[in-house]
PDB file of N, CA and C in Angstrom:
ATOM      1  N   MET A   1       0.859  -1.166   0.000  1.00  0.00           N
ATOM      2  CA  MET A   1       0.006  -0.010  -0.006  1.00  0.00           C
ATOM      3  C   MET A   1       0.915   1.216   0.011  1.00  0.00           C
ATOM      4  N   LYS A   2       0.562   2.161  -0.868  1.00  0.00           N
ATOM      5  CA  LYS A   2       1.360   3.405  -0.967  1.00  0.00           C
ATOM      6  C   LYS A   2       0.910   4.434   0.036  1.00  0.00           C
ATOM      7  N   ASN A   3       1.767   5.427   0.259  1.00  0.00           N
ATOM      8  CA  ASN A   3       1.416   6.477   1.176  1.00  0.00           C
ATOM      9  C   ASN A   3       0.173   7.241   0.636  1.00  0.00           C
ATOM     10  N   ILE A   4      -0.662   7.636   1.562  1.00  0.00           N
ATOM     11  CA  ILE A   4      -1.907   8.286   1.160  1.00  0.00           C
ATOM     12  C   ILE A   4      -1.810   9.774   1.602  1.00  0.00           C
ATOM     13  N   PRO A   5      -1.840  10.682   0.592  1.00  0.00           N
ATOM     14  CA  PRO A   5      -1.831  12.116   0.998  1.00  0.00           C
ATOM     15  C   PRO A   5      -3.149  12.476   1.624  1.00  0.00           C
ATOM     16  N   PHE A   6      -3.156  13.570   2.397  1.00  0.00           N
ATOM     17  CA  PHE A   6      -4.397  14.037   3.004  1.00  0.00           C
ATOM     18  C   PHE A   6      -5.432  14.334   1.886  1.00  0.00           C
ATOM     19  N   GLN A   7      -6.575  13.828   2.105  1.00  0.00           N
ATOM     20  CA  GLN A   7      -7.676  14.098   1.141  1.00  0.00           C
ATOM     21  C   GLN A   7      -9.014  13.849   1.839  1.00  0.00           C
ATOM     22  N   THR A   8     -10.069  14.415   1.282  1.00  0.00           N
ATOM     23  CA  THR A   8     -11.352  14.230   1.818  1.00  0.00           C
ATOM     24  C   THR A   8     -12.134  13.309   0.827  1.00  0.00           C
ATOM     25  N   ILE A   9     -13.194  12.694   1.316  1.00  0.00           N
ATOM     26  CA  ILE A   9     -14.033  11.890   0.458  1.00  0.00           C
ATOM     27  C   ILE A   9     -15.463  12.482   0.585  1.00  0.00           C
ATOM     28  N   ASP A  10     -15.939  13.009  -0.512  1.00  0.00           N
ATOM     29  CA  ASP A  10     -17.299  13.573  -0.557  1.00  0.00           C
ATOM     30  C   ASP A  10     -18.195  12.458  -1.090  1.00  0.00           C
ATOM     31  N   TRP A  11     -18.836  11.705  -0.190  1.00  0.00           N
ATOM     32  CA  TRP A  11     -19.648  10.589  -0.617  1.00  0.00           C
ATOM     33  C   TRP A  11     -20.838  11.010  -1.482  1.00  0.00           C
ATOM     34  N   THR A  12     -21.240  12.261  -1.418  1.00  0.00           N
ATOM     35  CA  THR A  12     -22.365  12.731  -2.275  1.00  0.00           C
ATOM     36  C   THR A  12     -21.964  12.793  -3.712  1.00  0.00           C
ATOM     37  N   LYS A  13     -20.658  12.732  -3.980  1.00  0.00           N
ATOM     38  CA  LYS A  13     -20.179  12.831  -5.373  1.00  0.00           C
ATOM     39  C   LYS A  13     -19.744  11.492  -5.935  1.00  0.00           C
ATOM     40  N   ILE A  14     -19.817  10.453  -5.115  1.00  0.00           N
ATOM     41  CA  ILE A  14     -19.464   9.112  -5.584  1.00  0.00           C
ATOM     42  C   ILE A  14     -20.692   8.336  -5.909  1.00  0.00           C
ATOM     43  N   PRO A  15     -20.873   7.891  -7.151  1.00  0.00           N
ATOM     44  CA  PRO A  15     -22.063   7.221  -7.604  1.00  0.00           C
ATOM     45  C   PRO A  15     -22.249   5.861  -6.895  1.00  0.00           C
ATOM     46  N   LYS A  16     -23.532   5.433  -6.780  1.00  0.00           N
ATOM     47  CA  LYS A  16     -23.855   4.116  -6.210  1.00  0.00           C
ATOM     48  C   LYS A  16     -23.872   3.132  -7.327  1.00  0.00           C
ATOM     49  N   THR A  17     -23.377   1.940  -7.029  1.00  0.00           N
ATOM     50  CA  THR A  17     -23.493   0.803  -7.949  1.00  0.00           C
ATOM     51  C   THR A  17     -24.270  -0.282  -7.235  1.00  0.00           C
ATOM     52  N   GLY A  18     -25.170  -0.927  -7.980  1.00  0.00           N
ATOM     53  CA  GLY A  18     -25.984  -1.989  -7.430  1.00  0.00           C
ATOM     54  C   GLY A  18     -25.350  -3.359  -7.649  1.00  0.00           C
ATOM     55  N   HIS A  19     -25.417  -4.212  -6.579  1.00  0.00           N
ATOM     56  CA  HIS A  19     -24.887  -5.566  -6.655  1.00  0.00           C
ATOM     57  C   HIS A  19     -25.940  -6.506  -6.102  1.00  0.00           C
ATOM     58  N   LYS A  20     -26.519  -7.324  -6.970  1.00  0.00           N
ATOM     59  CA  LYS A  20     -27.635  -8.213  -6.559  1.00  0.00           C
ATOM     60  C   LYS A  20     -27.120  -9.284  -5.628  1.00  0.00           C
ATOM     61  N   GLY A  21     -27.891  -9.575  -4.567  1.00  0.00           N
ATOM     62  CA  GLY A  21     -27.567 -10.631  -3.673  1.00  0.00           C
ATOM     63  C   GLY A  21     -28.410 -11.847  -4.034  1.00  0.00           C
ATOM     64  N   GLU A  22     -28.358 -12.855  -3.207  1.00  0.00           N
ATOM     65  CA  GLU A  22     -29.279 -14.024  -3.333  1.00  0.00           C
ATOM     66  C   GLU A  22     -30.685 -13.498  -3.234  1.00  0.00           C
ATOM     67  N   LYS A  23     -30.859 -12.550  -2.303  1.00  0.00           N
ATOM     68  CA  LYS A  23     -32.111 -11.780  -2.175  1.00  0.00           C
ATOM     69  C   LYS A  23     -31.715 -10.352  -1.948  1.00  0.00           C
ATOM     70  N   GLY A  24     -32.431  -9.412  -2.523  1.00  0.00           N
ATOM     71  CA  GLY A  24     -32.151  -7.969  -2.324  1.00  0.00           C
ATOM     72  C   GLY A  24     -30.913  -7.495  -3.058  1.00  0.00           C
ATOM     73  N   THR A  25     -30.543  -6.227  -2.763  1.00  0.00           N
ATOM     74  CA  THR A  25     -29.449  -5.619  -3.475  1.00  0.00           C
ATOM     75  C   THR A  25     -28.540  -4.860  -2.505  1.00  0.00           C
ATOM     76  N   ALA A  26     -27.250  -4.861  -2.784  1.00  0.00           N
ATOM     77  CA  ALA A  26     -26.249  -4.082  -2.059  1.00  0.00           C
ATOM     78  C   ALA A  26     -25.912  -2.901  -2.945  1.00  0.00           C
ATOM     79  N   TYR A  27     -25.899  -1.686  -2.359  1.00  0.00           N
ATOM     80  CA  TYR A  27     -25.530  -0.517  -3.125  1.00  0.00           C
ATOM     81  C   TYR A  27     -24.205  -0.007  -2.536  1.00  0.00           C
ATOM     82  N   TRP A  28     -23.222   0.088  -3.418  1.00  0.00           N
ATOM     83  CA  TRP A  28     -21.837   0.463  -3.010  1.00  0.00           C
ATOM     84  C   TRP A  28     -21.514   1.821  -3.539  1.00  0.00           C
ATOM     85  N   GLN A  29     -20.808   2.589  -2.675  1.00  0.00           N
ATOM     86  CA  GLN A  29     -20.082   3.804  -3.119  1.00  0.00           C
ATOM     87  C   GLN A  29     -18.657   3.507  -2.757  1.00  0.00           C
ATOM     88  N   THR A  30     -17.762   3.564  -3.731  1.00  0.00           N
ATOM     89  CA  THR A  30     -16.396   3.071  -3.522  1.00  0.00           C
ATOM     90  C   THR A  30     -15.353   4.143  -3.771  1.00  0.00           C
ATOM     91  N   PHE A  31     -14.421   4.271  -2.802  1.00  0.00           N
ATOM     92  CA  PHE A  31     -13.209   5.056  -2.915  1.00  0.00           C
ATOM     93  C   PHE A  31     -12.084   4.116  -2.996  1.00  0.00           C
ATOM     94  N   GLN A  32     -11.258   4.197  -4.058  1.00  0.00           N
ATOM     95  CA  GLN A  32     -10.199   3.250  -4.252  1.00  0.00           C
ATOM     96  C   GLN A  32      -8.864   3.990  -4.290  1.00  0.00           C
ATOM     97  N   HIS A  33      -7.906   3.500  -3.566  1.00  0.00           N
ATOM     98  CA  HIS A  33      -6.522   4.001  -3.572  1.00  0.00           C
ATOM     99  C   HIS A  33      -5.602   2.768  -3.621  1.00  0.00           C
ATOM    100  N   ASP A  34      -4.403   2.864  -4.089  1.00  0.00           N
ATOM    101  CA  ASP A  34      -3.489   1.731  -4.213  1.00  0.00           C
ATOM    102  C   ASP A  34      -3.545   0.867  -2.975  1.00  0.00           C
ATOM    103  N   GLY A  35      -4.013  -0.369  -3.064  1.00  0.00           N
ATOM    104  CA  GLY A  35      -4.017  -1.278  -1.950  1.00  0.00           C
ATOM    105  C   GLY A  35      -5.038  -0.970  -0.845  1.00  0.00           C
ATOM    106  N   LEU A  36      -5.963  -0.068  -1.094  1.00  0.00           N
ATOM    107  CA  LEU A  36      -6.954   0.300  -0.112  1.00  0.00           C
ATOM    108  C   LEU A  36      -8.279   0.611  -0.792  1.00  0.00           C
ATOM    109  N   ARG A  37      -9.347   0.032  -0.234  1.00  0.00           N
ATOM    110  CA  ARG A  37     -10.701   0.281  -0.744  1.00  0.00           C
ATOM    111  C   ARG A  37     -11.596   0.675   0.443  1.00  0.00           C
ATOM    112  N   ILE A  38     -12.286   1.783   0.348  1.00  0.00           N
ATOM    113  CA  ILE A  38     -13.195   2.257   1.375  1.00  0.00           C
ATOM    114  C   ILE A  38     -14.570   2.353   0.711  1.00  0.00           C
ATOM    115  N   ARG A  39     -15.608   1.731   1.300  1.00  0.00           N
ATOM    116  CA  ARG A  39     -16.917   1.715   0.741  1.00  0.00           C
ATOM    117  C   ARG A  39     -17.974   2.109   1.733  1.00  0.00           C
ATOM    118  N   LEU A  40     -18.959   2.884   1.298  1.00  0.00           N
ATOM    119  CA  LEU A  40     -20.184   3.001   2.003  1.00  0.00           C
ATOM    120  C   LEU A  40     -21.152   1.988   1.342  1.00  0.00           C
ATOM    121  N   VAL A  41     -21.724   1.108   2.094  1.00  0.00           N
ATOM    122  CA  VAL A  41     -22.524   0.026   1.492  1.00  0.00           C
ATOM    123  C   VAL A  41     -23.905   0.024   2.229  1.00  0.00           C
ATOM    124  N   GLU A  42     -24.931  -0.027   1.425  1.00  0.00           N
ATOM    125  CA  GLU A  42     -26.284  -0.164   1.955  1.00  0.00           C
ATOM    126  C   GLU A  42     -26.875  -1.469   1.443  1.00  0.00           C
ATOM    127  N   TYR A  43     -27.412  -2.254   2.366  1.00  0.00           N
ATOM    128  CA  TYR A  43     -28.113  -3.486   1.973  1.00  0.00           C
ATOM    129  C   TYR A  43     -29.583  -3.209   2.071  1.00  0.00           C
ATOM    130  N   SER A  44     -30.351  -3.610   1.071  1.00  0.00           N
ATOM    131  CA  SER A  44     -31.804  -3.405   1.073  1.00  0.00           C
ATOM    132  C   SER A  44     -32.443  -4.344   2.099  1.00  0.00           C
ATOM    133  N   LYS A  45     -33.670  -4.100   2.395  1.00  0.00           N
ATOM    134  CA  LYS A  45     -34.402  -4.933   3.319  1.00  0.00           C
ATOM    135  C   LYS A  45     -34.436  -6.386   2.722  1.00  0.00           C
ATOM    136  N   GLY A  46     -34.252  -7.344   3.596  1.00  0.00           N
ATOM    137  CA  GLY A  46     -34.274  -8.733   3.182  1.00  0.00           C
ATOM    138  C   GLY A  46     -33.044  -9.208   2.414  1.00  0.00           C
ATOM    139  N   TYR A  47     -31.957  -8.434   2.451  1.00  0.00           N
ATOM    140  CA  TYR A  47     -30.766  -8.806   1.707  1.00  0.00           C
ATOM    141  C   TYR A  47     -30.103 -10.031   2.264  1.00  0.00           C
ATOM    142  N   ILE A  48     -29.661 -10.893   1.364  1.00  0.00           N
ATOM    143  CA  ILE A  48     -28.798 -12.043   1.673  1.00  0.00           C
ATOM    144  C   ILE A  48     -27.720 -12.106   0.618  1.00  0.00           C
ATOM    145  N   ALA A  49     -26.473 -12.083   1.046  1.00  0.00           N
ATOM    146  CA  ALA A  49     -25.325 -12.152   0.156  1.00  0.00           C
ATOM    147  C   ALA A  49     -25.417 -13.404  -0.715  1.00  0.00           C
ATOM    148  N   ASP A  50     -24.918 -13.342  -1.938  1.00  0.00           N
ATOM    149  CA  ASP A  50     -25.002 -14.460  -2.858  1.00  0.00           C
ATOM    150  C   ASP A  50     -23.752 -15.321  -2.856  1.00  0.00           C
ATOM    151  N   HIS A  51     -22.818 -15.047  -1.927  1.00  0.00           N
ATOM    152  CA  HIS A  51     -21.568 -15.797  -1.872  1.00  0.00           C
ATOM    153  C   HIS A  51     -20.994 -15.792  -0.465  1.00  0.00           C
ATOM    154  N   TRP A  52     -20.095 -16.731  -0.204  1.00  0.00           N
ATOM    155  CA  TRP A  52     -19.327 -16.724   1.018  1.00  0.00           C
ATOM    156  C   TRP A  52     -18.031 -15.971   0.710  1.00  0.00           C
ATOM    157  N   CYS A  53     -17.758 -14.940   1.502  1.00  0.00           N
ATOM    158  CA  CYS A  53     -16.593 -14.054   1.261  1.00  0.00           C
ATOM    159  C   CYS A  53     -15.429 -14.550   2.150  1.00  0.00           C
ATOM    160  N   THR A  54     -14.199 -14.573   1.578  1.00  0.00           N
ATOM    161  CA  THR A  54     -13.044 -14.929   2.353  1.00  0.00           C
ATOM    162  C   THR A  54     -12.103 -13.702   2.479  1.00  0.00           C
ATOM    163  N   LYS A  55     -12.513 -12.565   1.971  1.00  0.00           N
ATOM    164  CA  LYS A  55     -11.703 -11.372   2.022  1.00  0.00           C
ATOM    165  C   LYS A  55     -11.712 -10.743   3.426  1.00  0.00           C
ATOM    166  N   GLY A  56     -10.647 -10.140   3.812  1.00  0.00           N
ATOM    167  CA  GLY A  56     -10.626  -9.464   5.065  1.00  0.00           C
ATOM    168  C   GLY A  56     -11.307  -8.121   4.972  1.00  0.00           C
ATOM    169  N   HIS A  57     -11.901  -7.627   6.067  1.00  0.00           N
ATOM    170  CA  HIS A  57     -12.574  -6.371   6.135  1.00  0.00           C
ATOM    171  C   HIS A  57     -12.519  -5.770   7.507  1.00  0.00           C
ATOM    172  N   ILE A  58     -12.686  -4.468   7.558  1.00  0.00           N
ATOM    173  CA  ILE A  58     -13.115  -3.783   8.787  1.00  0.00           C
ATOM    174  C   ILE A  58     -14.487  -3.270   8.452  1.00  0.00           C
ATOM    175  N   VAL A  59     -15.478  -3.703   9.202  1.00  0.00           N
ATOM    176  CA  VAL A  59     -16.871  -3.306   8.859  1.00  0.00           C
ATOM    177  C   VAL A  59     -17.459  -2.605  10.100  1.00  0.00           C
ATOM    178  N   TYR A  60     -17.967  -1.373   9.868  1.00  0.00           N
ATOM    179  CA  TYR A  60     -18.584  -0.586  10.949  1.00  0.00           C
ATOM    180  C   TYR A  60     -20.034  -0.275  10.576  1.00  0.00           C
ATOM    181  N   CYS A  61     -20.917  -0.589  11.491  1.00  0.00           N
ATOM    182  CA  CYS A  61     -22.345  -0.406  11.243  1.00  0.00           C
ATOM    183  C   CYS A  61     -22.760   1.021  11.573  1.00  0.00           C
ATOM    184  N   LEU A  62     -23.180   1.744  10.546  1.00  0.00           N
ATOM    185  CA  LEU A  62     -23.583   3.129  10.698  1.00  0.00           C
ATOM    186  C   LEU A  62     -25.035   3.316  11.038  1.00  0.00           C
ATOM    187  N   GLU A  63     -25.888   2.469  10.451  1.00  0.00           N
ATOM    188  CA  GLU A  63     -27.346   2.529  10.652  1.00  0.00           C
ATOM    189  C   GLU A  63     -27.932   1.157  10.507  1.00  0.00           C
ATOM    190  N   GLY A  64     -28.923   0.807  11.289  1.00  0.00           N
ATOM    191  CA  GLY A  64     -29.635  -0.445  11.131  1.00  0.00           C
ATOM    192  C   GLY A  64     -28.903  -1.588  11.807  1.00  0.00           C
ATOM    193  N   ASP A  65     -29.161  -2.799  11.340  1.00  0.00           N
ATOM    194  CA  ASP A  65     -28.494  -3.982  11.894  1.00  0.00           C
ATOM    195  C   ASP A  65     -28.411  -5.065  10.827  1.00  0.00           C
ATOM    196  N   PHE A  66     -27.494  -5.997  11.094  1.00  0.00           N
ATOM    197  CA  PHE A  66     -27.319  -7.104  10.133  1.00  0.00           C
ATOM    198  C   PHE A  66     -26.671  -8.295  10.877  1.00  0.00           C
ATOM    199  N   PHE A  67     -26.682  -9.431  10.221  1.00  0.00           N
ATOM    200  CA  PHE A  67     -25.986 -10.576  10.739  1.00  0.00           C
ATOM    201  C   PHE A  67     -24.795 -10.870   9.845  1.00  0.00           C
ATOM    202  N   SER A  68     -23.671 -11.161  10.478  1.00  0.00           N
ATOM    203  CA  SER A  68     -22.518 -11.750   9.779  1.00  0.00           C
ATOM    204  C   SER A  68     -22.577 -13.192  10.083  1.00  0.00           C
ATOM    205  N   GLU A  69     -22.876 -13.959   9.052  1.00  0.00           N
ATOM    206  CA  GLU A  69     -23.041 -15.396   9.184  1.00  0.00           C
ATOM    207  C   GLU A  69     -21.733 -16.041   8.762  1.00  0.00           C
ATOM    208  N   LEU A  70     -21.201 -16.918   9.586  1.00  0.00           N
ATOM    209  CA  LEU A  70     -19.958 -17.595   9.314  1.00  0.00           C
ATOM    210  C   LEU A  70     -20.258 -18.970   8.747  1.00  0.00           C
ATOM    211  N   LYS A  71     -19.423 -19.427   7.828  1.00  0.00           N
ATOM    212  CA  LYS A  71     -19.630 -20.728   7.185  1.00  0.00           C
ATOM    213  C   LYS A  71     -19.656 -21.876   8.179  1.00  0.00           C
ATOM    214  N   ASN A  72     -18.975 -21.695   9.354  1.00  0.00           N
ATOM    215  CA  ASN A  72     -18.946 -22.739  10.363  1.00  0.00           C
ATOM    216  C   ASN A  72     -20.274 -22.809  11.175  1.00  0.00           C
ATOM    217  N   GLY A  73     -21.236 -21.953  10.788  1.00  0.00           N
ATOM    218  CA  GLY A  73     -22.564 -21.970  11.444  1.00  0.00           C
ATOM    219  C   GLY A  73     -22.774 -20.884  12.462  1.00  0.00           C
ATOM    220  N   ASP A  74     -21.734 -20.195  12.921  1.00  0.00           N
ATOM    221  CA  ASP A  74     -21.887 -19.085  13.859  1.00  0.00           C
ATOM    222  C   ASP A  74     -22.605 -17.913  13.148  1.00  0.00           C
ATOM    223  N   LYS A  75     -23.339 -17.155  13.918  1.00  0.00           N
ATOM    224  CA  LYS A  75     -24.088 -15.993  13.402  1.00  0.00           C
ATOM    225  C   LYS A  75     -23.875 -14.882  14.425  1.00  0.00           C
ATOM    226  N   VAL A  76     -23.423 -13.721  13.982  1.00  0.00           N
ATOM    227  CA  VAL A  76     -23.216 -12.599  14.872  1.00  0.00           C
ATOM    228  C   VAL A  76     -24.005 -11.418  14.430  1.00  0.00           C
ATOM    229  N   LYS A  77     -24.823 -10.890  15.354  1.00  0.00           N
ATOM    230  CA  LYS A  77     -25.603  -9.699  15.032  1.00  0.00           C
ATOM    231  C   LYS A  77     -24.851  -8.434  15.377  1.00  0.00           C
ATOM    232  N   LEU A  78     -24.783  -7.552  14.437  1.00  0.00           N
ATOM    233  CA  LEU A  78     -24.147  -6.245  14.602  1.00  0.00           C
ATOM    234  C   LEU A  78     -25.176  -5.122  14.439  1.00  0.00           C
ATOM    235  N   THR A  79     -25.196  -4.204  15.365  1.00  0.00           N
ATOM    236  CA  THR A  79     -26.111  -3.077  15.333  1.00  0.00           C
ATOM    237  C   THR A  79     -25.321  -1.796  15.244  1.00  0.00           C
ATOM    238  N   LYS A  80     -26.012  -0.652  15.081  1.00  0.00           N
ATOM    239  CA  LYS A  80     -25.429   0.641  14.945  1.00  0.00           C
ATOM    240  C   LYS A  80     -24.361   0.848  16.007  1.00  0.00           C
ATOM    241  N   GLY A  81     -23.146   1.260  15.586  1.00  0.00           N
ATOM    242  CA  GLY A  81     -22.036   1.518  16.491  1.00  0.00           C
ATOM    243  C   GLY A  81     -21.142   0.325  16.704  1.00  0.00           C
ATOM    244  N   MET A  82     -21.500  -0.842  16.187  1.00  0.00           N
ATOM    245  CA  MET A  82     -20.644  -2.038  16.365  1.00  0.00           C
ATOM    246  C   MET A  82     -19.796  -2.217  15.087  1.00  0.00           C
ATOM    247  N   ALA A  83     -18.718  -3.021  15.226  1.00  0.00           N
ATOM    248  CA  ALA A  83     -17.859  -3.321  14.136  1.00  0.00           C
ATOM    249  C   ALA A  83     -17.283  -4.727  14.240  1.00  0.00           C
ATOM    250  N   TYR A  84     -16.713  -5.212  13.134  1.00  0.00           N
ATOM    251  CA  TYR A  84     -15.924  -6.428  13.173  1.00  0.00           C
ATOM    252  C   TYR A  84     -14.702  -6.220  12.262  1.00  0.00           C
ATOM    253  N   VAL A  85     -13.691  -7.027  12.529  1.00  0.00           N
ATOM    254  CA  VAL A  85     -12.486  -7.045  11.744  1.00  0.00           C
ATOM    255  C   VAL A  85     -12.063  -8.477  11.509  1.00  0.00           C
ATOM    256  N   VAL A  86     -11.586  -8.803  10.328  1.00  0.00           N
ATOM    257  CA  VAL A  86     -11.076 -10.107  10.000  1.00  0.00           C
ATOM    258  C   VAL A  86     -10.068  -9.981   8.845  1.00  0.00           C
ATOM    259  N   SER A  87      -8.992 -10.760   8.906  1.00  0.00           N
ATOM    260  CA  SER A  87      -8.005 -10.793   7.843  1.00  0.00           C
ATOM    261  C   SER A  87      -8.464 -11.694   6.732  1.00  0.00           C
ATOM    262  N   ASP A  88      -7.828 -11.509   5.569  1.00  0.00           N
ATOM    263  CA  ASP A  88      -8.087 -12.394   4.399  1.00  0.00           C
ATOM    264  C   ASP A  88      -7.922 -13.829   4.832  1.00  0.00           C
ATOM    265  N   GLU A  89      -8.786 -14.702   4.291  1.00  0.00           N
ATOM    266  CA  GLU A  89      -8.698 -16.179   4.451  1.00  0.00           C
ATOM    267  C   GLU A  89      -8.834 -16.671   5.865  1.00  0.00           C
ATOM    268  N   MET A  90      -9.345 -15.869   6.801  1.00  0.00           N
ATOM    269  CA  MET A  90      -9.458 -16.252   8.201  1.00  0.00           C
ATOM    270  C   MET A  90     -10.827 -16.815   8.541  1.00  0.00           C
ATOM    271  N   SER A  91     -11.815 -16.496   7.704  1.00  0.00           N
ATOM    272  CA  SER A  91     -13.169 -17.089   7.880  1.00  0.00           C
ATOM    273  C   SER A  91     -14.001 -16.761   6.682  1.00  0.00           C
ATOM    274  N   SER A  92     -14.835 -17.694   6.336  1.00  0.00           N
ATOM    275  CA  SER A  92     -15.819 -17.494   5.256  1.00  0.00           C
ATOM    276  C   SER A  92     -17.070 -16.858   5.904  1.00  0.00           C
ATOM    277  N   HIS A  93     -17.509 -15.732   5.374  1.00  0.00           N
ATOM    278  CA  HIS A  93     -18.631 -15.055   6.002  1.00  0.00           C
ATOM    279  C   HIS A  93     -19.510 -14.455   4.908  1.00  0.00           C
ATOM    280  N   ARG A  94     -20.763 -14.212   5.293  1.00  0.00           N
ATOM    281  CA  ARG A  94     -21.704 -13.472   4.403  1.00  0.00           C
ATOM    282  C   ARG A  94     -22.647 -12.643   5.276  1.00  0.00           C
ATOM    283  N   SER A  95     -23.204 -11.626   4.655  1.00  0.00           N
ATOM    284  CA  SER A  95     -24.097 -10.719   5.384  1.00  0.00           C
ATOM    285  C   SER A  95     -25.536 -10.928   5.035  1.00  0.00           C
ATOM    286  N   THR A  96     -26.387 -10.768   6.017  1.00  0.00           N
ATOM    287  CA  THR A  96     -27.851 -10.818   5.824  1.00  0.00           C
ATOM    288  C   THR A  96     -28.452  -9.695   6.649  1.00  0.00           C
ATOM    289  N   THR A  97     -29.563  -9.157   6.177  1.00  0.00           N
ATOM    290  CA  THR A  97     -30.302  -8.176   6.997  1.00  0.00           C
ATOM    291  C   THR A  97     -31.766  -8.246   6.700  1.00  0.00           C
ATOM    292  N   GLU A  98     -32.549  -8.174   7.715  1.00  0.00           N
ATOM    293  CA  GLU A  98     -34.026  -8.185   7.579  1.00  0.00           C
ATOM    294  C   GLU A  98     -34.533  -6.799   7.253  1.00  0.00           C
ATOM    295  N   ASN A  99     -34.011  -5.758   7.883  1.00  0.00           N
ATOM    296  CA  ASN A  99     -34.577  -4.435   7.796  1.00  0.00           C
ATOM    297  C   ASN A  99     -33.745  -3.440   7.012  1.00  0.00           C
ATOM    298  N   GLY A 100     -32.580  -3.883   6.522  1.00  0.00           N
ATOM    299  CA  GLY A 100     -31.674  -2.994   5.818  1.00  0.00           C
ATOM    300  C   GLY A 100     -30.582  -2.445   6.759  1.00  0.00           C
ATOM    301  N   VAL A 101     -29.475  -2.052   6.214  1.00  0.00           N
ATOM    302  CA  VAL A 101     -28.360  -1.565   7.004  1.00  0.00           C
ATOM    303  C   VAL A 101     -27.449  -0.709   6.135  1.00  0.00           C
ATOM    304  N   LYS A 102     -26.768   0.193   6.816  1.00  0.00           N
ATOM    305  CA  LYS A 102     -25.733   1.052   6.145  1.00  0.00           C
ATOM    306  C   LYS A 102     -24.397   0.816   6.858  1.00  0.00           C
ATOM    307  N   LEU A 103     -23.359   0.478   6.059  1.00  0.00           N
ATOM    308  CA  LEU A 103     -22.048   0.119   6.604  1.00  0.00           C
ATOM    309  C   LEU A 103     -20.947   0.924   6.000  1.00  0.00           C
ATOM    310  N   LEU A 104     -19.864   1.109   6.771  1.00  0.00           N
ATOM    311  CA  LEU A 104     -18.596   1.613   6.287  1.00  0.00           C
ATOM    312  C   LEU A 104     -17.701   0.374   6.255  1.00  0.00           C
ATOM    313  N   ILE A 105     -17.131   0.031   5.084  1.00  0.00           N
ATOM    314  CA  ILE A 105     -16.330  -1.175   4.920  1.00  0.00           C
ATOM    315  C   ILE A 105     -14.962  -0.748   4.360  1.00  0.00           C
ATOM    316  N   ILE A 106     -13.925  -1.179   5.088  1.00  0.00           N
ATOM    317  CA  ILE A 106     -12.546  -0.836   4.664  1.00  0.00           C
ATOM    318  C   ILE A 106     -11.798  -2.178   4.458  1.00  0.00           C
ATOM    319  N   ASP A 107     -11.161  -2.319   3.311  1.00  0.00           N
ATOM    320  CA  ASP A 107     -10.333  -3.471   3.109  1.00  0.00           C
ATOM    321  C   ASP A 107      -9.145  -3.159   2.264  1.00  0.00           C
ATOM    322  N   GLY A 108      -8.193  -4.025   2.191  1.00  0.00           N
ATOM    323  CA  GLY A 108      -6.996  -3.749   1.384  1.00  0.00           C
ATOM    324  C   GLY A 108      -5.877  -4.663   1.730  1.00  0.00           C
ATOM    325  N   ASP A 109      -4.713  -4.307   1.170  1.00  0.00           N
ATOM    326  CA  ASP A 109      -3.539  -5.156   1.307  1.00  0.00           C
ATOM    327  C   ASP A 109      -3.094  -5.364   2.756  1.00  0.00           C
ATOM    328  N   PHE A 110      -3.410  -4.409   3.655  1.00  0.00           N
ATOM    329  CA  PHE A 110      -2.982  -4.489   5.060  1.00  0.00           C
ATOM    330  C   PHE A 110      -3.700  -5.617   5.790  1.00  0.00           C
ATOM    331  N   LEU A 111      -4.763  -6.201   5.190  1.00  0.00           N
ATOM    332  CA  LEU A 111      -5.466  -7.343   5.795  1.00  0.00           C
ATOM    333  C   LEU A 111      -5.084  -8.675   5.252  1.00  0.00           C
ATOM    334  N   LYS A 112      -4.057  -8.689   4.380  1.00  0.00           N
ATOM    335  CA  LYS A 112      -3.612  -9.974   3.834  1.00  0.00           C
ATOM    336  C   LYS A 112      -3.133 -10.886   4.968  1.00  0.00           C
ATOM    337  N   ASN A 113      -3.481 -12.133   4.862  1.00  0.00           N
ATOM    338  CA  ASN A 113      -3.131 -13.145   5.878  1.00  0.00           C
ATOM    339  C   ASN A 113      -1.650 -13.526   5.662  1.00  0.00           C
ATOM    340  N   GLU A 114      -0.876 -13.397   6.710  1.00  0.00           N
ATOM    341  CA  GLU A 114       0.554 -13.724   6.643  1.00  0.00           C
ATOM    342  C   GLU A 114       0.676 -15.142   7.293  1.00  0.00           C
ATOM    343  N   LYS A 115       0.669 -16.161   6.452  1.00  0.00           N
ATOM    344  CA  LYS A 115       0.809 -17.557   6.962  1.00  0.00           C
ATOM    345  C   LYS A 115       2.211 -17.839   7.403  1.00  0.00           C
ATOM    346  N   SER A 116       2.348 -18.538   8.475  1.00  0.00           N
ATOM    347  CA  SER A 116       3.673 -18.843   8.996  1.00  0.00           C
ATOM    348  C   SER A 116       4.349 -19.955   8.194  1.00  0.00           C
TER     349      SER A 116
END
């Protein structure tokens, strides 16, 4: 990841892109910098991700609530003000929400799993 100069992100100027889930839609606004991706993500009511993700993330819940479902069967509910963090390849997870949610998601090279 390269050095990041001071800059602001005006989310009102970043277009939303739709990504269909198994049910519902995820709307992403994405800021990309070398080795770093920052997204504002909104899941529609009834959203269920269409895949198990193995990528690392820092996820902060801005509004609403959702479940992070792990492939091992665990299910963790996150509500406004809660966050989770995981490195690449450390768990398979997917998101679901009954009522919709707005998240700040940060991922990038700094979350790569360093296997011994």
